Amino acid sequence: MDPKPLAAPVDVPTTTPVQPHVELQSSKMLIHELAVERPDVLNYFRTIDLDKQEIALVHALEVGVLEIVARRRRTPNAS
């Protein structure tokens, strides 16, 4: 019976730098490697011209955030 060869050692970094996907700066927000898998969201953006999708995303974020803020004001105990 032949002994099984040992696996080659794997180099594992002791620290892995992790960049957050959402980075807030003083006057802007950067979103890195965003992946959206919601069919309704994808279908909406498919209806928008490619050159207007970025501004449409910014507008959708603005509208969504304002709606969340308004809901929280209407229901102060909800989180």
C-alpha atoms as a PDB file:
ATOM      1  CA  MET A   1       0.000   0.000   0.000  1.00  0.00           C
ATOM      2  CA  ASP A   2       1.564   3.252  -1.162  1.00  0.00           C
ATOM      3  CA  PRO A   3       1.157   6.250   1.108  1.00  0.00           C
ATOM      4  CA  LYS A   4      -0.824   9.096  -0.400  1.00  0.00           C
ATOM      5  CA  PRO A   5       1.318  12.070  -1.353  1.00  0.00           C
ATOM      6  CA  LEU A   6       0.902  15.133   0.809  1.00  0.00           C
ATOM      7  CA  ALA A   7      -0.868  18.068  -0.766  1.00  0.00           C
ATOM      8  CA  ALA A   8       1.283  21.016  -1.663  1.00  0.00           C
ATOM      9  CA  PRO A   9       1.149  23.771   0.953  1.00  0.00           C
ATOM     10  CA  VAL A  10      -1.211  26.598   0.132  1.00  0.00           C
ATOM     11  CA  ASP A  11      -0.138  30.185   0.697  1.00  0.00           C
ATOM     12  CA  VAL A  12      -2.870  31.846   2.696  1.00  0.00           C
ATOM     13  CA  PRO A  13      -2.509  35.563   3.365  1.00  0.00           C
ATOM     14  CA  THR A  14      -2.597  36.396   7.037  1.00  0.00           C
ATOM     15  CA  THR A  15      -4.687  39.490   6.351  1.00  0.00           C
ATOM     16  CA  THR A  16      -6.977  40.031   3.440  1.00  0.00           C
ATOM     17  CA  PRO A  17      -7.742  43.665   2.705  1.00  0.00           C
ATOM     18  CA  VAL A  18     -11.480  44.053   2.393  1.00  0.00           C
ATOM     19  CA  GLN A  19     -12.861  47.013   0.510  1.00  0.00           C
ATOM     20  CA  PRO A  20     -16.438  47.804   1.434  1.00  0.00           C
ATOM     21  CA  HIS A  21     -18.939  47.679  -1.408  1.00  0.00           C
ATOM     22  CA  VAL A  22     -20.431  50.989  -0.288  1.00  0.00           C
ATOM     23  CA  GLU A  23     -17.970  53.729   0.574  1.00  0.00           C
ATOM     24  CA  LEU A  24     -19.209  57.022   2.008  1.00  0.00           C
ATOM     25  CA  GLN A  25     -16.964  60.007   1.454  1.00  0.00           C
ATOM     26  CA  SER A  26     -17.506  63.577   2.567  1.00  0.00           C
ATOM     27  CA  SER A  27     -19.504  64.618  -0.500  1.00  0.00           C
ATOM     28  CA  LYS A  28     -20.270  61.409  -2.378  1.00  0.00           C
ATOM     29  CA  MET A  29     -20.941  57.694  -2.135  1.00  0.00           C
ATOM     30  CA  LEU A  30     -18.968  55.166  -4.155  1.00  0.00           C
ATOM     31  CA  ILE A  31     -20.502  51.780  -4.930  1.00  0.00           C
ATOM     32  CA  HIS A  32     -18.007  49.071  -5.911  1.00  0.00           C
ATOM     33  CA  GLU A  33     -18.940  45.871  -7.701  1.00  0.00           C
ATOM     34  CA  LEU A  34     -22.663  46.249  -7.158  1.00  0.00           C
ATOM     35  CA  ALA A  35     -24.722  43.190  -8.082  1.00  0.00           C
ATOM     36  CA  VAL A  36     -28.501  43.488  -8.243  1.00  0.00           C
ATOM     37  CA  GLU A  37     -30.492  40.299  -8.738  1.00  0.00           C
ATOM     38  CA  ARG A  38     -34.058  41.547  -8.256  1.00  0.00           C
ATOM     39  CA  PRO A  39     -36.042  40.831 -11.449  1.00  0.00           C
ATOM     40  CA  ASP A  40     -38.298  43.881 -11.064  1.00  0.00           C
ATOM     41  CA  VAL A  41     -35.293  46.181 -10.732  1.00  0.00           C
ATOM     42  CA  LEU A  42     -33.538  44.602 -13.713  1.00  0.00           C
ATOM     43  CA  ASN A  43     -36.675  44.811 -15.847  1.00  0.00           C
ATOM     44  CA  TYR A  44     -37.085  48.493 -14.979  1.00  0.00           C
ATOM     45  CA  PHE A  45     -33.512  49.355 -15.951  1.00  0.00           C
ATOM     46  CA  ARG A  46     -33.814  47.387 -19.200  1.00  0.00           C
ATOM     47  CA  THR A  47     -36.423  49.953 -20.287  1.00  0.00           C
ATOM     48  CA  ILE A  48     -33.940  52.820 -19.876  1.00  0.00           C
ATOM     49  CA  ASP A  49     -31.404  53.840 -22.510  1.00  0.00           C
ATOM     50  CA  LEU A  50     -27.899  52.689 -21.629  1.00  0.00           C
ATOM     51  CA  ASP A  51     -26.563  56.249 -21.519  1.00  0.00           C
ATOM     52  CA  LYS A  52     -29.256  57.222 -18.982  1.00  0.00           C
ATOM     53  CA  GLN A  53     -29.041  54.242 -16.639  1.00  0.00           C
ATOM     54  CA  GLU A  54     -26.558  55.825 -14.233  1.00  0.00           C
ATOM     55  CA  ILE A  55     -28.689  58.906 -13.617  1.00  0.00           C
ATOM     56  CA  ALA A  56     -31.755  56.657 -13.365  1.00  0.00           C
ATOM     57  CA  LEU A  57     -29.992  54.661 -10.640  1.00  0.00           C
ATOM     58  CA  VAL A  58     -29.121  57.843  -8.747  1.00  0.00           C
ATOM     59  CA  HIS A  59     -32.731  59.033  -9.054  1.00  0.00           C
ATOM     60  CA  ALA A  60     -34.053  55.664  -7.859  1.00  0.00           C
ATOM     61  CA  LEU A  61     -31.755  55.829  -4.826  1.00  0.00           C
ATOM     62  CA  GLU A  62     -32.910  59.366  -4.034  1.00  0.00           C
ATOM     63  CA  VAL A  63     -36.591  58.440  -4.300  1.00  0.00           C
ATOM     64  CA  GLY A  64     -36.085  55.259  -2.283  1.00  0.00           C
ATOM     65  CA  VAL A  65     -34.175  56.979   0.508  1.00  0.00           C
ATOM     66  CA  LEU A  66     -36.716  59.797   0.736  1.00  0.00           C
ATOM     67  CA  GLU A  67     -39.521  57.221   0.976  1.00  0.00           C
ATOM     68  CA  ILE A  68     -37.719  55.316   3.727  1.00  0.00           C
ATOM     69  CA  VAL A  69     -37.146  58.538   5.673  1.00  0.00           C
ATOM     70  CA  ALA A  70     -40.814  59.515   5.294  1.00  0.00           C
ATOM     71  CA  ARG A  71     -41.987  56.086   6.483  1.00  0.00           C
ATOM     72  CA  ARG A  72     -39.729  56.257   9.532  1.00  0.00           C
ATOM     73  CA  ARG A  73     -41.137  59.680  10.404  1.00  0.00           C
ATOM     74  CA  ARG A  74     -44.694  58.360  10.136  1.00  0.00           C
ATOM     75  CA  THR A  75     -43.864  55.343  12.323  1.00  0.00           C
ATOM     76  CA  PRO A  76     -41.215  56.473  14.830  1.00  0.00           C
ATOM     77  CA  ASN A  77     -41.022  53.122  16.665  1.00  0.00           C
ATOM     78  CA  ALA A  78     -40.405  51.083  13.520  1.00  0.00           C
ATOM     79  CA  SER A  79     -36.821  50.202  12.653  1.00  0.00           C
END
